[in-house]
Amino acid sequence: MVEISPVVTKKVIYKITYPNGKIYIGKDLTNSLTYFGSVNDALVKMDFSEEQRKHFTITKEILFESESIEEVNRIEAKLIVQYEANNPEKGYNQWPKFLG
């Protein structure tokens, strides 16, 4: 008899880089290839013209992987601050609040 071990889905923290160089850091507890976060659409739209939106390329980079939700939750905020993704001049994260 063959034993099938349960599949453990890694949880990830990713960095999205937009064409203007600004970034967004988020977490994905399912490690989906097609998930690109819940960035505030209005903030991103303000930075791109209608013409620029017609051909738009972003990059998704995995910064951290873990099997632990608690660890991913803890590390996410640290990476947002480390990369200054919450600085409106550098990124689109609105939490934790940027203190300048």
N, C-alpha and C. Protein backbone atom coordinates (compact mmCIF):
# COMPACT_ATOMS: atom_id res chain seq x y z
N MET A 1 0.83 -1.17 0.00
CA MET A 1 0.00 0.00 0.00
C MET A 1 0.89 1.25 0.00
N VAL A 2 0.55 2.21 -0.84
CA VAL A 2 1.30 3.44 -0.96
C VAL A 2 0.65 4.50 -0.09
N GLU A 3 1.47 5.12 0.75
CA GLU A 3 0.96 6.20 1.59
C GLU A 3 1.11 7.52 0.86
N ILE A 4 0.07 8.29 0.87
CA ILE A 4 0.12 9.61 0.25
C ILE A 4 0.21 10.63 1.37
N SER A 5 1.30 11.37 1.35
CA SER A 5 1.44 12.38 2.39
C SER A 5 0.70 13.65 1.99
N PRO A 6 0.21 14.37 2.97
CA PRO A 6 -0.54 15.59 2.67
C PRO A 6 0.36 16.63 2.00
N VAL A 7 -0.20 17.33 1.07
CA VAL A 7 0.53 18.39 0.39
C VAL A 7 0.51 19.63 1.28
N VAL A 8 1.68 20.14 1.57
CA VAL A 8 1.77 21.35 2.38
C VAL A 8 2.02 22.52 1.43
N THR A 9 1.11 23.45 1.42
CA THR A 9 1.26 24.62 0.55
C THR A 9 2.11 25.66 1.27
N LYS A 10 3.17 26.04 0.61
CA LYS A 10 4.00 27.09 1.19
C LYS A 10 3.26 28.42 1.13
N LYS A 11 3.47 29.19 2.14
CA LYS A 11 2.96 30.55 2.18
C LYS A 11 4.12 31.44 1.76
N VAL A 12 3.84 32.52 1.04
CA VAL A 12 4.93 33.34 0.52
C VAL A 12 4.68 34.82 0.78
N ILE A 13 5.77 35.55 0.79
CA ILE A 13 5.74 37.01 0.76
C ILE A 13 6.38 37.39 -0.56
N TYR A 14 5.71 38.23 -1.31
CA TYR A 14 6.17 38.58 -2.65
C TYR A 14 6.36 40.09 -2.77
N LYS A 15 7.12 40.47 -3.77
CA LYS A 15 7.30 41.88 -4.10
C LYS A 15 6.88 42.07 -5.55
N ILE A 16 5.94 42.97 -5.77
CA ILE A 16 5.52 43.34 -7.12
C ILE A 16 6.24 44.63 -7.47
N THR A 17 6.86 44.66 -8.65
CA THR A 17 7.51 45.88 -9.13
C THR A 17 6.76 46.37 -10.36
N TYR A 18 6.33 47.61 -10.33
CA TYR A 18 5.58 48.24 -11.40
C TYR A 18 6.54 48.94 -12.37
N PRO A 19 6.07 49.29 -13.56
CA PRO A 19 6.95 49.92 -14.56
C PRO A 19 7.60 51.22 -14.10
N ASN A 20 7.01 51.91 -13.15
CA ASN A 20 7.59 53.15 -12.64
C ASN A 20 8.61 52.91 -11.52
N GLY A 21 8.87 51.64 -11.21
CA GLY A 21 9.84 51.29 -10.18
C GLY A 21 9.25 51.18 -8.79
N LYS A 22 8.01 51.63 -8.60
CA LYS A 22 7.39 51.50 -7.28
C LYS A 22 7.05 50.03 -7.01
N ILE A 23 6.99 49.69 -5.73
CA ILE A 23 6.79 48.30 -5.36
C ILE A 23 5.58 48.14 -4.43
N TYR A 24 5.13 46.91 -4.35
CA TYR A 24 4.10 46.51 -3.40
C TYR A 24 4.52 45.17 -2.83
N ILE A 25 4.51 45.04 -1.52
CA ILE A 25 4.86 43.78 -0.86
C ILE A 25 3.62 43.23 -0.18
N GLY A 26 3.38 41.95 -0.41
CA GLY A 26 2.21 41.32 0.19
C GLY A 26 2.47 39.85 0.46
N LYS A 27 1.46 39.19 0.99
CA LYS A 27 1.58 37.77 1.30
C LYS A 27 0.51 37.00 0.54
N ASP A 28 0.81 35.76 0.27
CA ASP A 28 -0.14 34.86 -0.39
C ASP A 28 -0.06 33.54 0.34
N LEU A 29 -1.13 33.18 1.00
CA LEU A 29 -1.14 31.96 1.81
C LEU A 29 -1.41 30.71 0.97
N THR A 30 -1.63 30.88 -0.32
CA THR A 30 -1.85 29.73 -1.21
C THR A 30 -0.74 29.58 -2.25
N ASN A 31 0.18 30.53 -2.31
CA ASN A 31 1.29 30.54 -3.27
C ASN A 31 0.76 30.40 -4.70
N SER A 32 -0.25 31.16 -5.03
CA SER A 32 -0.86 31.15 -6.36
C SER A 32 0.03 31.90 -7.35
N LEU A 33 0.20 31.33 -8.50
CA LEU A 33 0.99 31.96 -9.55
C LEU A 33 0.32 33.23 -10.07
N THR A 34 -0.99 33.27 -10.02
CA THR A 34 -1.72 34.39 -10.63
C THR A 34 -2.18 35.46 -9.64
N TYR A 35 -1.84 35.33 -8.37
CA TYR A 35 -2.25 36.33 -7.38
C TYR A 35 -1.23 37.46 -7.34
N PHE A 36 -1.70 38.68 -7.50
CA PHE A 36 -0.82 39.84 -7.51
C PHE A 36 -1.18 40.86 -6.45
N GLY A 37 -1.81 40.41 -5.40
CA GLY A 37 -2.04 41.26 -4.25
C GLY A 37 -3.30 42.08 -4.31
N SER A 38 -3.48 42.83 -3.24
CA SER A 38 -4.66 43.68 -3.10
C SER A 38 -4.24 45.14 -2.94
N VAL A 39 -3.33 45.54 -3.81
CA VAL A 39 -2.87 46.92 -3.81
C VAL A 39 -4.04 47.85 -4.12
N ASN A 40 -3.99 49.06 -3.60
CA ASN A 40 -5.05 50.05 -3.83
C ASN A 40 -5.00 50.50 -5.30
N ASP A 41 -5.98 50.10 -6.06
CA ASP A 41 -6.04 50.39 -7.50
C ASP A 41 -5.96 51.88 -7.79
N ALA A 42 -6.62 52.69 -6.99
CA ALA A 42 -6.65 54.14 -7.22
C ALA A 42 -5.25 54.75 -7.11
N LEU A 43 -4.44 54.24 -6.18
CA LEU A 43 -3.07 54.75 -6.03
C LEU A 43 -2.23 54.44 -7.26
N VAL A 44 -2.37 53.24 -7.77
CA VAL A 44 -1.59 52.84 -8.94
C VAL A 44 -2.06 53.62 -10.17
N LYS A 45 -3.36 53.74 -10.35
CA LYS A 45 -3.91 54.45 -11.51
C LYS A 45 -3.39 55.88 -11.61
N MET A 46 -3.21 56.55 -10.48
CA MET A 46 -2.75 57.94 -10.49
C MET A 46 -1.37 58.08 -11.11
N ASP A 47 -0.58 57.00 -11.08
CA ASP A 47 0.80 57.08 -11.56
C ASP A 47 0.97 56.73 -13.04
N PHE A 48 -0.10 56.33 -13.71
CA PHE A 48 0.03 55.90 -15.10
C PHE A 48 -1.04 56.53 -15.97
N SER A 49 -0.61 56.98 -17.14
CA SER A 49 -1.56 57.56 -18.09
C SER A 49 -2.39 56.46 -18.73
N GLU A 50 -3.44 56.87 -19.41
CA GLU A 50 -4.29 55.91 -20.12
C GLU A 50 -3.46 55.14 -21.15
N GLU A 51 -2.58 55.83 -21.83
CA GLU A 51 -1.72 55.19 -22.84
C GLU A 51 -0.77 54.18 -22.19
N GLN A 52 -0.18 54.53 -21.05
CA GLN A 52 0.73 53.61 -20.36
C GLN A 52 0.02 52.35 -19.89
N ARG A 53 -1.25 52.45 -19.60
CA ARG A 53 -2.01 51.29 -19.12
C ARG A 53 -2.31 50.28 -20.21
N LYS A 54 -2.10 50.65 -21.46
CA LYS A 54 -2.39 49.74 -22.58
C LYS A 54 -1.35 48.64 -22.71
N HIS A 55 -0.15 48.89 -22.26
CA HIS A 55 0.92 47.88 -22.29
C HIS A 55 1.65 48.00 -20.95
N PHE A 56 1.36 47.10 -20.05
CA PHE A 56 1.74 47.25 -18.65
C PHE A 56 2.38 45.95 -18.17
N THR A 57 3.64 46.00 -17.79
CA THR A 57 4.33 44.80 -17.33
C THR A 57 4.76 44.98 -15.88
N ILE A 58 4.43 43.99 -15.06
CA ILE A 58 4.89 43.99 -13.67
C ILE A 58 5.70 42.72 -13.43
N THR A 59 6.51 42.76 -12.38
CA THR A 59 7.33 41.61 -12.00
C THR A 59 6.93 41.18 -10.59
N LYS A 60 6.83 39.88 -10.42
CA LYS A 60 6.53 39.32 -9.10
C LYS A 60 7.72 38.50 -8.65
N GLU A 61 8.24 38.84 -7.49
CA GLU A 61 9.41 38.15 -6.94
C GLU A 61 9.05 37.60 -5.56
N ILE A 62 9.36 36.35 -5.32
CA ILE A 62 9.12 35.75 -4.00
C ILE A 62 10.30 36.12 -3.11
N LEU A 63 10.01 36.80 -2.00
CA LEU A 63 11.04 37.23 -1.05
C LEU A 63 11.23 36.25 0.10
N PHE A 64 10.15 35.53 0.45
CA PHE A 64 10.20 34.68 1.63
C PHE A 64 9.17 33.58 1.49
N GLU A 65 9.52 32.37 1.94
CA GLU A 65 8.61 31.23 1.93
C GLU A 65 8.59 30.58 3.30
N SER A 66 7.44 30.07 3.68
CA SER A 66 7.32 29.36 4.94
C SER A 66 6.07 28.49 4.91
N GLU A 67 6.06 27.50 5.75
CA GLU A 67 4.85 26.70 5.93
C GLU A 67 3.99 27.26 7.06
N SER A 68 4.51 28.26 7.76
CA SER A 68 3.85 28.83 8.93
C SER A 68 3.16 30.15 8.61
N ILE A 69 1.85 30.20 8.81
CA ILE A 69 1.10 31.44 8.63
C ILE A 69 1.59 32.51 9.60
N GLU A 70 1.84 32.11 10.82
CA GLU A 70 2.30 33.05 11.85
C GLU A 70 3.63 33.70 11.44
N GLU A 71 4.54 32.90 10.90
CA GLU A 71 5.84 33.43 10.49
C GLU A 71 5.68 34.41 9.33
N VAL A 72 4.86 34.05 8.35
CA VAL A 72 4.62 34.93 7.20
C VAL A 72 3.98 36.24 7.67
N ASN A 73 3.01 36.16 8.56
CA ASN A 73 2.38 37.37 9.09
C ASN A 73 3.40 38.27 9.79
N ARG A 74 4.29 37.67 10.54
CA ARG A 74 5.31 38.43 11.29
C ARG A 74 6.33 39.08 10.35
N ILE A 75 6.77 38.36 9.36
CA ILE A 75 7.84 38.82 8.47
C ILE A 75 7.33 39.85 7.45
N GLU A 76 6.07 39.76 7.06
CA GLU A 76 5.53 40.66 6.04
C GLU A 76 5.76 42.14 6.39
N ALA A 77 5.37 42.54 7.58
CA ALA A 77 5.53 43.95 7.98
C ALA A 77 6.99 44.36 8.02
N LYS A 78 7.85 43.45 8.47
CA LYS A 78 9.29 43.76 8.51
C LYS A 78 9.83 44.02 7.11
N LEU A 79 9.41 43.23 6.13
CA LEU A 79 9.88 43.42 4.76
C LEU A 79 9.32 44.69 4.13
N ILE A 80 8.08 45.02 4.45
CA ILE A 80 7.50 46.27 3.95
C ILE A 80 8.33 47.45 4.42
N VAL A 81 8.70 47.45 5.69
CA VAL A 81 9.52 48.54 6.24
C VAL A 81 10.93 48.48 5.68
N GLN A 82 11.52 47.30 5.60
CA GLN A 82 12.89 47.15 5.08
C GLN A 82 13.02 47.68 3.65
N TYR A 83 12.06 47.36 2.80
CA TYR A 83 12.09 47.81 1.40
C TYR A 83 11.48 49.20 1.22
N GLU A 84 10.94 49.77 2.29
CA GLU A 84 10.26 51.06 2.26
C GLU A 84 9.10 51.07 1.27
N ALA A 85 8.40 49.93 1.17
CA ALA A 85 7.26 49.82 0.28
C ALA A 85 6.09 50.67 0.76
N ASN A 86 6.14 51.11 2.01
CA ASN A 86 5.11 51.97 2.57
C ASN A 86 5.42 53.46 2.40
N ASN A 87 6.58 53.77 1.85
CA ASN A 87 6.95 55.14 1.53
C ASN A 87 6.26 55.50 0.21
N PRO A 88 5.35 56.46 0.19
CA PRO A 88 4.60 56.77 -1.04
C PRO A 88 5.48 57.10 -2.24
N GLU A 89 6.71 57.50 -2.00
CA GLU A 89 7.62 57.78 -3.11
C GLU A 89 8.23 56.50 -3.69
N LYS A 90 8.17 55.41 -2.94
CA LYS A 90 8.80 54.15 -3.36
C LYS A 90 7.84 53.00 -3.56
N GLY A 91 6.67 53.07 -2.93
CA GLY A 91 5.79 51.92 -3.00
C GLY A 91 4.34 52.24 -2.74
N TYR A 92 3.52 51.20 -2.83
CA TYR A 92 2.08 51.33 -2.71
C TYR A 92 1.50 50.74 -1.42
N ASN A 93 2.32 50.19 -0.55
CA ASN A 93 1.79 49.68 0.71
C ASN A 93 1.36 50.85 1.59
N GLN A 94 0.20 50.71 2.22
CA GLN A 94 -0.31 51.75 3.11
C GLN A 94 -0.22 51.36 4.57
N TRP A 95 0.27 50.18 4.81
CA TRP A 95 0.45 49.65 6.16
C TRP A 95 1.77 48.91 6.21
N PRO A 96 2.53 48.94 7.28
CA PRO A 96 2.38 49.89 8.39
C PRO A 96 2.61 51.32 7.91
N LYS A 97 2.03 52.26 8.63
CA LYS A 97 2.12 53.66 8.23
C LYS A 97 3.58 54.10 8.14
N PHE A 98 3.90 54.78 7.06
CA PHE A 98 5.26 55.30 6.86
C PHE A 98 5.48 56.50 7.77
N LEU A 99 6.57 56.46 8.51
CA LEU A 99 6.85 57.52 9.48
C LEU A 99 7.87 58.53 8.99
N GLY A 100 8.40 58.29 7.81
CA GLY A 100 9.34 59.23 7.20
C GLY A 100 10.65 59.18 7.83
